[in-house]
Amino acid sequence: MTAAGFTLEGERTITVSIEHSSSDAIGRYALNSLRRMRSAVADALSVEDLTALDQLLDTDSPHSILRRDDLVVRTERAVWAARRT
């Protein structure tokens, strides 16, 4: 940021951990995250692992991630506050 002409005023890490929730939002979050990851990891996965991932991503499959009741969301995001110098 400093190379772009900003002065860093603060930095914070936001940690999210959601467990034991029945919210459909958690399933949608997991589905969208895995969809984005699939193309990046497909070449590195075995045929069996790619098949398992595709079953999780198939919303019509009985193995769809949207049908799971044991999902947990854990993530961290770094946030910076800066001003133009």
PDB file of N, CA and C in Angstrom:
ATOM      1  N   MET A   1       0.819  -1.185   0.000  1.00  0.00           N
ATOM      2  CA  MET A   1       0.000   0.000   0.000  1.00  0.00           C
ATOM      3  C   MET A   1       0.863   1.249   0.000  1.00  0.00           C
ATOM      4  N   THR A   2       1.980   1.169   0.710  1.00  0.00           N
ATOM      5  CA  THR A   2       2.845   2.351   0.759  1.00  0.00           C
ATOM      6  C   THR A   2       3.410   2.653  -0.622  1.00  0.00           C
ATOM      7  N   ALA A   3       3.704   1.623  -1.413  1.00  0.00           N
ATOM      8  CA  ALA A   3       4.212   1.837  -2.765  1.00  0.00           C
ATOM      9  C   ALA A   3       3.163   2.500  -3.656  1.00  0.00           C
ATOM     10  N   ALA A   4       1.909   2.359  -3.302  1.00  0.00           N
ATOM     11  CA  ALA A   4       0.824   2.977  -4.055  1.00  0.00           C
ATOM     12  C   ALA A   4       0.477   4.368  -3.529  1.00  0.00           C
ATOM     13  N   GLY A   5       1.245   4.836  -2.525  1.00  0.00           N
ATOM     14  CA  GLY A   5       1.027   6.192  -2.034  1.00  0.00           C
ATOM     15  C   GLY A   5       0.110   6.292  -0.829  1.00  0.00           C
ATOM     16  N   PHE A   6      -0.065   5.215  -0.104  1.00  0.00           N
ATOM     17  CA  PHE A   6      -0.934   5.229   1.066  1.00  0.00           C
ATOM     18  C   PHE A   6      -0.110   5.096   2.342  1.00  0.00           C
ATOM     19  N   THR A   7      -0.650   5.629   3.432  1.00  0.00           N
ATOM     20  CA  THR A   7      -0.083   5.440   4.759  1.00  0.00           C
ATOM     21  C   THR A   7      -0.976   4.465   5.504  1.00  0.00           C
ATOM     22  N   LEU A   8      -0.379   3.405   5.988  1.00  0.00           N
ATOM     23  CA  LEU A   8      -1.141   2.390   6.714  1.00  0.00           C
ATOM     24  C   LEU A   8      -1.501   2.924   8.096  1.00  0.00           C
ATOM     25  N   GLU A   9      -2.801   2.962   8.390  1.00  0.00           N
ATOM     26  CA  GLU A   9      -3.297   3.470   9.674  1.00  0.00           C
ATOM     27  C   GLU A   9      -3.604   2.350  10.663  1.00  0.00           C
ATOM     28  N   GLY A  10      -3.905   1.197  10.138  1.00  0.00           N
ATOM     29  CA  GLY A  10      -4.234   0.083  11.031  1.00  0.00           C
ATOM     30  C   GLY A  10      -4.412  -1.196  10.248  1.00  0.00           C
ATOM     31  N   GLU A  11      -4.273  -2.288  10.962  1.00  0.00           N
ATOM     32  CA  GLU A  11      -4.423  -3.606  10.364  1.00  0.00           C
ATOM     33  C   GLU A  11      -5.126  -4.502  11.371  1.00  0.00           C
ATOM     34  N   ARG A  12      -6.017  -5.344  10.867  1.00  0.00           N
ATOM     35  CA  ARG A  12      -6.764  -6.221  11.758  1.00  0.00           C
ATOM     36  C   ARG A  12      -7.053  -7.533  11.042  1.00  0.00           C
ATOM     37  N   THR A  13      -7.020  -8.610  11.780  1.00  0.00           N
ATOM     38  CA  THR A  13      -7.423  -9.908  11.244  1.00  0.00           C
ATOM     39  C   THR A  13      -8.772 -10.265  11.839  1.00  0.00           C
ATOM     40  N   ILE A  14      -9.710 -10.574  10.967  1.00  0.00           N
ATOM     41  CA  ILE A  14     -11.058 -10.961  11.401  1.00  0.00           C
ATOM     42  C   ILE A  14     -11.159 -12.479  11.255  1.00  0.00           C
ATOM     43  N   THR A  15     -11.475 -13.146  12.345  1.00  0.00           N
ATOM     44  CA  THR A  15     -11.606 -14.598  12.366  1.00  0.00           C
ATOM     45  C   THR A  15     -13.081 -14.958  12.499  1.00  0.00           C
ATOM     46  N   VAL A  16     -13.530 -15.854  11.624  1.00  0.00           N
ATOM     47  CA  VAL A  16     -14.915 -16.318  11.651  1.00  0.00           C
ATOM     48  C   VAL A  16     -14.899 -17.823  11.896  1.00  0.00           C
ATOM     49  N   SER A  17     -15.685 -18.275  12.839  1.00  0.00           N
ATOM     50  CA  SER A  17     -15.848 -19.699  13.098  1.00  0.00           C
ATOM     51  C   SER A  17     -17.314 -19.946  13.435  1.00  0.00           C
ATOM     52  N   ILE A  18     -18.001 -20.651  12.544  1.00  0.00           N
ATOM     53  CA  ILE A  18     -19.424 -20.944  12.743  1.00  0.00           C
ATOM     54  C   ILE A  18     -19.589 -22.455  12.773  1.00  0.00           C
ATOM     55  N   GLU A  19     -20.057 -22.954  13.893  1.00  0.00           N
ATOM     56  CA  GLU A  19     -20.282 -24.390  14.059  1.00  0.00           C
ATOM     57  C   GLU A  19     -21.719 -24.637  14.509  1.00  0.00           C
ATOM     58  N   HIS A  20     -22.201 -25.824  14.244  1.00  0.00           N
ATOM     59  CA  HIS A  20     -23.516 -26.264  14.731  1.00  0.00           C
ATOM     60  C   HIS A  20     -24.630 -25.301  14.316  1.00  0.00           C
ATOM     61  N   SER A  21     -24.593 -24.851  13.090  1.00  0.00           N
ATOM     62  CA  SER A  21     -25.631 -23.959  12.594  1.00  0.00           C
ATOM     63  C   SER A  21     -26.485 -24.709  11.583  1.00  0.00           C
ATOM     64  N   SER A  22     -27.759 -24.445  11.592  1.00  0.00           N
ATOM     65  CA  SER A  22     -28.656 -25.059  10.616  1.00  0.00           C
ATOM     66  C   SER A  22     -28.943 -24.107   9.456  1.00  0.00           C
ATOM     67  N   SER A  23     -28.192 -23.024   9.365  1.00  0.00           N
ATOM     68  CA  SER A  23     -28.400 -22.033   8.322  1.00  0.00           C
ATOM     69  C   SER A  23     -28.019 -22.582   6.942  1.00  0.00           C
ATOM     70  N   ASP A  24     -28.879 -22.366   5.961  1.00  0.00           N
ATOM     71  CA  ASP A  24     -28.589 -22.757   4.580  1.00  0.00           C
ATOM     72  C   ASP A  24     -27.412 -21.958   4.020  1.00  0.00           C
ATOM     73  N   ALA A  25     -27.131 -20.808   4.605  1.00  0.00           N
ATOM     74  CA  ALA A  25     -26.045 -19.955   4.122  1.00  0.00           C
ATOM     75  C   ALA A  25     -24.696 -20.665   4.222  1.00  0.00           C
ATOM     76  N   ILE A  26     -24.517 -21.502   5.222  1.00  0.00           N
ATOM     77  CA  ILE A  26     -23.247 -22.218   5.378  1.00  0.00           C
ATOM     78  C   ILE A  26     -23.047 -23.189   4.223  1.00  0.00           C
ATOM     79  N   GLY A  27     -24.072 -23.905   3.846  1.00  0.00           N
ATOM     80  CA  GLY A  27     -23.985 -24.810   2.705  1.00  0.00           C
ATOM     81  C   GLY A  27     -23.714 -24.072   1.408  1.00  0.00           C
ATOM     82  N   ARG A  28     -24.375 -22.944   1.200  1.00  0.00           N
ATOM     83  CA  ARG A  28     -24.152 -22.149  -0.007  1.00  0.00           C
ATOM     84  C   ARG A  28     -22.726 -21.595  -0.045  1.00  0.00           C
ATOM     85  N   TYR A  29     -22.224 -21.168   1.112  1.00  0.00           N
ATOM     86  CA  TYR A  29     -20.855 -20.668   1.210  1.00  0.00           C
ATOM     87  C   TYR A  29     -19.858 -21.774   0.842  1.00  0.00           C
ATOM     88  N   ALA A  30     -20.066 -22.966   1.397  1.00  0.00           N
ATOM     89  CA  ALA A  30     -19.183 -24.100   1.104  1.00  0.00           C
ATOM     90  C   ALA A  30     -19.262 -24.478  -0.374  1.00  0.00           C
ATOM     91  N   LEU A  31     -20.453 -24.514  -0.925  1.00  0.00           N
ATOM     92  CA  LEU A  31     -20.637 -24.866  -2.331  1.00  0.00           C
ATOM     93  C   LEU A  31     -19.909 -23.875  -3.238  1.00  0.00           C
ATOM     94  N   ASN A  32     -20.099 -22.596  -3.002  1.00  0.00           N
ATOM     95  CA  ASN A  32     -19.446 -21.584  -3.842  1.00  0.00           C
ATOM     96  C   ASN A  32     -17.931 -21.604  -3.686  1.00  0.00           C
ATOM     97  N   SER A  33     -17.451 -21.832  -2.473  1.00  0.00           N
ATOM     98  CA  SER A  33     -16.003 -21.906  -2.242  1.00  0.00           C
ATOM     99  C   SER A  33     -15.398 -23.091  -2.983  1.00  0.00           C
ATOM    100  N   LEU A  34     -16.031 -24.249  -2.889  1.00  0.00           N
ATOM    101  CA  LEU A  34     -15.508 -25.435  -3.567  1.00  0.00           C
ATOM    102  C   LEU A  34     -15.611 -25.312  -5.082  1.00  0.00           C
ATOM    103  N   ARG A  35     -16.654 -24.655  -5.573  1.00  0.00           N
ATOM    104  CA  ARG A  35     -16.763 -24.433  -7.025  1.00  0.00           C
ATOM    105  C   ARG A  35     -15.591 -23.600  -7.528  1.00  0.00           C
ATOM    106  N   ARG A  36     -15.228 -22.560  -6.792  1.00  0.00           N
ATOM    107  CA  ARG A  36     -14.102 -21.715  -7.197  1.00  0.00           C
ATOM    108  C   ARG A  36     -12.786 -22.488  -7.137  1.00  0.00           C
ATOM    109  N   MET A  37     -12.645 -23.361  -6.155  1.00  0.00           N
ATOM    110  CA  MET A  37     -11.415 -24.125  -5.985  1.00  0.00           C
ATOM    111  C   MET A  37     -11.231 -25.232  -7.017  1.00  0.00           C
ATOM    112  N   ARG A  38     -12.328 -25.780  -7.502  1.00  0.00           N
ATOM    113  CA  ARG A  38     -12.264 -26.979  -8.330  1.00  0.00           C
ATOM    114  C   ARG A  38     -11.333 -26.832  -9.521  1.00  0.00           C
ATOM    115  N   SER A  39     -11.459 -25.759 -10.263  1.00  0.00           N
ATOM    116  CA  SER A  39     -10.634 -25.613 -11.465  1.00  0.00           C
ATOM    117  C   SER A  39      -9.153 -25.489 -11.115  1.00  0.00           C
ATOM    118  N   ALA A  40      -8.854 -24.917  -9.977  1.00  0.00           N
ATOM    119  CA  ALA A  40      -7.460 -24.739  -9.574  1.00  0.00           C
ATOM    120  C   ALA A  40      -6.816 -26.042  -9.103  1.00  0.00           C
ATOM    121  N   VAL A  41      -7.596 -26.953  -8.551  1.00  0.00           N
ATOM    122  CA  VAL A  41      -7.032 -28.177  -7.972  1.00  0.00           C
ATOM    123  C   VAL A  41      -7.289 -29.431  -8.801  1.00  0.00           C
ATOM    124  N   ALA A  42      -8.107 -29.334  -9.823  1.00  0.00           N
ATOM    125  CA  ALA A  42      -8.525 -30.527 -10.567  1.00  0.00           C
ATOM    126  C   ALA A  42      -7.344 -31.338 -11.090  1.00  0.00           C
ATOM    127  N   ASP A  43      -6.332 -30.685 -11.621  1.00  0.00           N
ATOM    128  CA  ASP A  43      -5.192 -31.413 -12.185  1.00  0.00           C
ATOM    129  C   ASP A  43      -4.351 -32.123 -11.130  1.00  0.00           C
ATOM    130  N   ALA A  44      -4.442 -31.669  -9.898  1.00  0.00           N
ATOM    131  CA  ALA A  44      -3.638 -32.266  -8.824  1.00  0.00           C
ATOM    132  C   ALA A  44      -4.366 -33.398  -8.097  1.00  0.00           C
ATOM    133  N   LEU A  45      -5.649 -33.573  -8.367  1.00  0.00           N
ATOM    134  CA  LEU A  45      -6.441 -34.579  -7.660  1.00  0.00           C
ATOM    135  C   LEU A  45      -6.444 -35.915  -8.394  1.00  0.00           C
ATOM    136  N   SER A  46      -6.566 -36.973  -7.620  1.00  0.00           N
ATOM    137  CA  SER A  46      -6.745 -38.295  -8.226  1.00  0.00           C
ATOM    138  C   SER A  46      -8.148 -38.364  -8.815  1.00  0.00           C
ATOM    139  N   VAL A  47      -8.367 -39.346  -9.657  1.00  0.00           N
ATOM    140  CA  VAL A  47      -9.697 -39.531 -10.260  1.00  0.00           C
ATOM    141  C   VAL A  47     -10.748 -39.719  -9.172  1.00  0.00           C
ATOM    142  N   GLU A  48     -10.395 -40.481  -8.137  1.00  0.00           N
ATOM    143  CA  GLU A  48     -11.343 -40.740  -7.049  1.00  0.00           C
ATOM    144  C   GLU A  48     -11.679 -39.458  -6.284  1.00  0.00           C
ATOM    145  N   ASP A  49     -10.657 -38.658  -6.011  1.00  0.00           N
ATOM    146  CA  ASP A  49     -10.897 -37.412  -5.281  1.00  0.00           C
ATOM    147  C   ASP A  49     -11.707 -36.424  -6.118  1.00  0.00           C
ATOM    148  N   LEU A  50     -11.417 -36.351  -7.405  1.00  0.00           N
ATOM    149  CA  LEU A  50     -12.173 -35.448  -8.270  1.00  0.00           C
ATOM    150  C   LEU A  50     -13.624 -35.896  -8.381  1.00  0.00           C
ATOM    151  N   THR A  51     -13.843 -37.208  -8.432  1.00  0.00           N
ATOM    152  CA  THR A  51     -15.212 -37.736  -8.459  1.00  0.00           C
ATOM    153  C   THR A  51     -15.948 -37.378  -7.171  1.00  0.00           C
ATOM    154  N   ALA A  52     -15.274 -37.528  -6.035  1.00  0.00           N
ATOM    155  CA  ALA A  52     -15.889 -37.177  -4.749  1.00  0.00           C
ATOM    156  C   ALA A  52     -16.207 -35.686  -4.687  1.00  0.00           C
ATOM    157  N   LEU A  53     -15.284 -34.858  -5.161  1.00  0.00           N
ATOM    158  CA  LEU A  53     -15.533 -33.411  -5.176  1.00  0.00           C
ATOM    159  C   LEU A  53     -16.711 -33.078  -6.075  1.00  0.00           C
ATOM    160  N   ASP A  54     -16.775 -33.690  -7.242  1.00  0.00           N
ATOM    161  CA  ASP A  54     -17.892 -33.440  -8.152  1.00  0.00           C
ATOM    162  C   ASP A  54     -19.226 -33.871  -7.554  1.00  0.00           C
ATOM    163  N   GLN A  55     -19.228 -34.938  -6.770  1.00  0.00           N
ATOM    164  CA  GLN A  55     -20.463 -35.349  -6.100  1.00  0.00           C
ATOM    165  C   GLN A  55     -20.889 -34.314  -5.067  1.00  0.00           C
ATOM    166  N   LEU A  56     -19.917 -33.746  -4.355  1.00  0.00           N
ATOM    167  CA  LEU A  56     -20.240 -32.685  -3.399  1.00  0.00           C
ATOM    168  C   LEU A  56     -20.817 -31.458  -4.103  1.00  0.00           C
ATOM    169  N   LEU A  57     -20.310 -31.172  -5.293  1.00  0.00           N
ATOM    170  CA  LEU A  57     -20.739 -29.984  -6.035  1.00  0.00           C
ATOM    171  C   LEU A  57     -22.039 -30.180  -6.797  1.00  0.00           C
ATOM    172  N   ASP A  58     -22.434 -31.424  -7.012  1.00  0.00           N
ATOM    173  CA  ASP A  58     -23.672 -31.723  -7.734  1.00  0.00           C
ATOM    174  C   ASP A  58     -24.860 -31.546  -6.797  1.00  0.00           C
ATOM    175  N   THR A  59     -25.595 -30.476  -6.977  1.00  0.00           N
ATOM    176  CA  THR A  59     -26.690 -30.162  -6.048  1.00  0.00           C
ATOM    177  C   THR A  59     -27.842 -31.160  -6.145  1.00  0.00           C
ATOM    178  N   ASP A  60     -27.868 -31.984  -7.191  1.00  0.00           N
ATOM    179  CA  ASP A  60     -28.900 -33.019  -7.309  1.00  0.00           C
ATOM    180  C   ASP A  60     -28.456 -34.351  -6.713  1.00  0.00           C
ATOM    181  N   SER A  61     -27.197 -34.460  -6.374  1.00  0.00           N
ATOM    182  CA  SER A  61     -26.646 -35.706  -5.828  1.00  0.00           C
ATOM    183  C   SER A  61     -27.059 -35.888  -4.369  1.00  0.00           C
ATOM    184  N   PRO A  62     -27.274 -37.126  -3.946  1.00  0.00           N
ATOM    185  CA  PRO A  62     -27.542 -37.360  -2.520  1.00  0.00           C
ATOM    186  C   PRO A  62     -26.316 -37.032  -1.663  1.00  0.00           C
ATOM    187  N   HIS A  63     -25.149 -36.895  -2.292  1.00  0.00           N
ATOM    188  CA  HIS A  63     -23.911 -36.570  -1.578  1.00  0.00           C
ATOM    189  C   HIS A  63     -23.582 -35.075  -1.653  1.00  0.00           C
ATOM    190  N   SER A  64     -24.501 -34.289  -2.168  1.00  0.00           N
ATOM    191  CA  SER A  64     -24.276 -32.846  -2.319  1.00  0.00           C
ATOM    192  C   SER A  64     -23.902 -32.204  -0.988  1.00  0.00           C
ATOM    193  N   ILE A  65     -23.002 -31.253  -1.049  1.00  0.00           N
ATOM    194  CA  ILE A  65     -22.593 -30.536   0.155  1.00  0.00           C
ATOM    195  C   ILE A  65     -23.781 -29.819   0.800  1.00  0.00           C
ATOM    196  N   LEU A  66     -24.787 -29.506  -0.002  1.00  0.00           N
ATOM    197  CA  LEU A  66     -25.982 -28.830   0.526  1.00  0.00           C
ATOM    198  C   LEU A  66     -26.824 -29.744   1.413  1.00  0.00           C
ATOM    199  N   ARG A  67     -26.587 -31.046   1.349  1.00  0.00           N
ATOM    200  CA  ARG A  67     -27.351 -32.007   2.158  1.00  0.00           C
ATOM    201  C   ARG A  67     -26.636 -32.384   3.456  1.00  0.00           C
ATOM    202  N   ARG A  68     -25.442 -31.875   3.652  1.00  0.00           N
ATOM    203  CA  ARG A  68     -24.664 -32.223   4.843  1.00  0.00           C
ATOM    204  C   ARG A  68     -25.145 -31.422   6.046  1.00  0.00           C
ATOM    205  N   ASP A  69     -25.055 -32.038   7.221  1.00  0.00           N
ATOM    206  CA  ASP A  69     -25.456 -31.344   8.441  1.00  0.00           C
ATOM    207  C   ASP A  69     -24.277 -31.152   9.399  1.00  0.00           C
ATOM    208  N   ASP A  70     -23.056 -31.387   8.886  1.00  0.00           N
ATOM    209  CA  ASP A  70     -21.873 -31.279   9.731  1.00  0.00           C
ATOM    210  C   ASP A  70     -20.881 -30.218   9.235  1.00  0.00           C
ATOM    211  N   LEU A  71     -21.375 -29.251   8.470  1.00  0.00           N
ATOM    212  CA  LEU A  71     -20.481 -28.226   7.929  1.00  0.00           C
ATOM    213  C   LEU A  71     -20.100 -27.205   8.988  1.00  0.00           C
ATOM    214  N   VAL A  72     -18.860 -26.755   8.881  1.00  0.00           N
ATOM    215  CA  VAL A  72     -18.320 -25.732   9.764  1.00  0.00           C
ATOM    216  C   VAL A  72     -17.634 -24.705   8.873  1.00  0.00           C
ATOM    217  N   VAL A  73     -17.828 -23.436   9.172  1.00  0.00           N
ATOM    218  CA  VAL A  73     -17.128 -22.381   8.442  1.00  0.00           C
ATOM    219  C   VAL A  73     -16.046 -21.811   9.348  1.00  0.00           C
ATOM    220  N   ARG A  74     -14.817 -21.857   8.839  1.00  0.00           N
ATOM    221  CA  ARG A  74     -13.691 -21.231   9.541  1.00  0.00           C
ATOM    222  C   ARG A  74     -12.891 -20.465   8.495  1.00  0.00           C
ATOM    223  N   THR A  75     -12.697 -19.195   8.740  1.00  0.00           N
ATOM    224  CA  THR A  75     -11.932 -18.386   7.796  1.00  0.00           C
ATOM    225  C   THR A  75     -11.330 -17.196   8.514  1.00  0.00           C
ATOM    226  N   GLU A  76     -10.326 -16.624   7.901  1.00  0.00           N
ATOM    227  CA  GLU A  76      -9.726 -15.398   8.412  1.00  0.00           C
ATOM    228  C   GLU A  76      -9.573 -14.433   7.246  1.00  0.00           C
ATOM    229  N   ARG A  77      -9.754 -13.174   7.528  1.00  0.00           N
ATOM    230  CA  ARG A  77      -9.570 -12.119   6.539  1.00  0.00           C
ATOM    231  C   ARG A  77      -8.726 -11.029   7.167  1.00  0.00           C
ATOM    232  N   ALA A  78      -7.761 -10.552   6.410  1.00  0.00           N
ATOM    233  CA  ALA A  78      -6.957  -9.417   6.860  1.00  0.00           C
ATOM    234  C   ALA A  78      -7.588  -8.139   6.307  1.00  0.00           C
ATOM    235  N   VAL A  79      -7.705  -7.122   7.156  1.00  0.00           N
ATOM    236  CA  VAL A  79      -8.309  -5.848   6.771  1.00  0.00           C
ATOM    237  C   VAL A  79      -7.326  -4.740   7.113  1.00  0.00           C
ATOM    238  N   TRP A  80      -7.136  -3.838   6.180  1.00  0.00           N
ATOM    239  CA  TRP A  80      -6.235  -2.706   6.396  1.00  0.00           C
ATOM    240  C   TRP A  80      -7.011  -1.404   6.251  1.00  0.00           C
ATOM    241  N   ALA A  81      -6.644  -0.439   7.052  1.00  0.00           N
ATOM    242  CA  ALA A  81      -7.167   0.924   6.915  1.00  0.00           C
ATOM    243  C   ALA A  81      -5.982   1.798   6.512  1.00  0.00           C
ATOM    244  N   ALA A  82      -6.156   2.566   5.457  1.00  0.00           N
ATOM    245  CA  ALA A  82      -5.061   3.398   4.963  1.00  0.00           C
ATOM    246  C   ALA A  82      -5.628   4.713   4.454  1.00  0.00           C
ATOM    247  N   ARG A  83      -4.745   5.675   4.380  1.00  0.00           N
ATOM    248  CA  ARG A  83      -5.129   6.981   3.812  1.00  0.00           C
ATOM    249  C   ARG A  83      -4.058   7.397   2.817  1.00  0.00           C
ATOM    250  N   ARG A  84      -4.482   8.167   1.856  1.00  0.00           N
ATOM    251  CA  ARG A  84      -3.545   8.663   0.854  1.00  0.00           C
ATOM    252  C   ARG A  84      -2.627   9.691   1.488  1.00  0.00           C
ATOM    253  N   THR A  85      -1.326   9.561   1.248  1.00  0.00           N
ATOM    254  CA  THR A  85      -0.368  10.499   1.861  1.00  0.00           C
ATOM    255  C   THR A  85      -0.249  11.769   1.054  1.00  0.00           C
TER     256      THR A  85
END
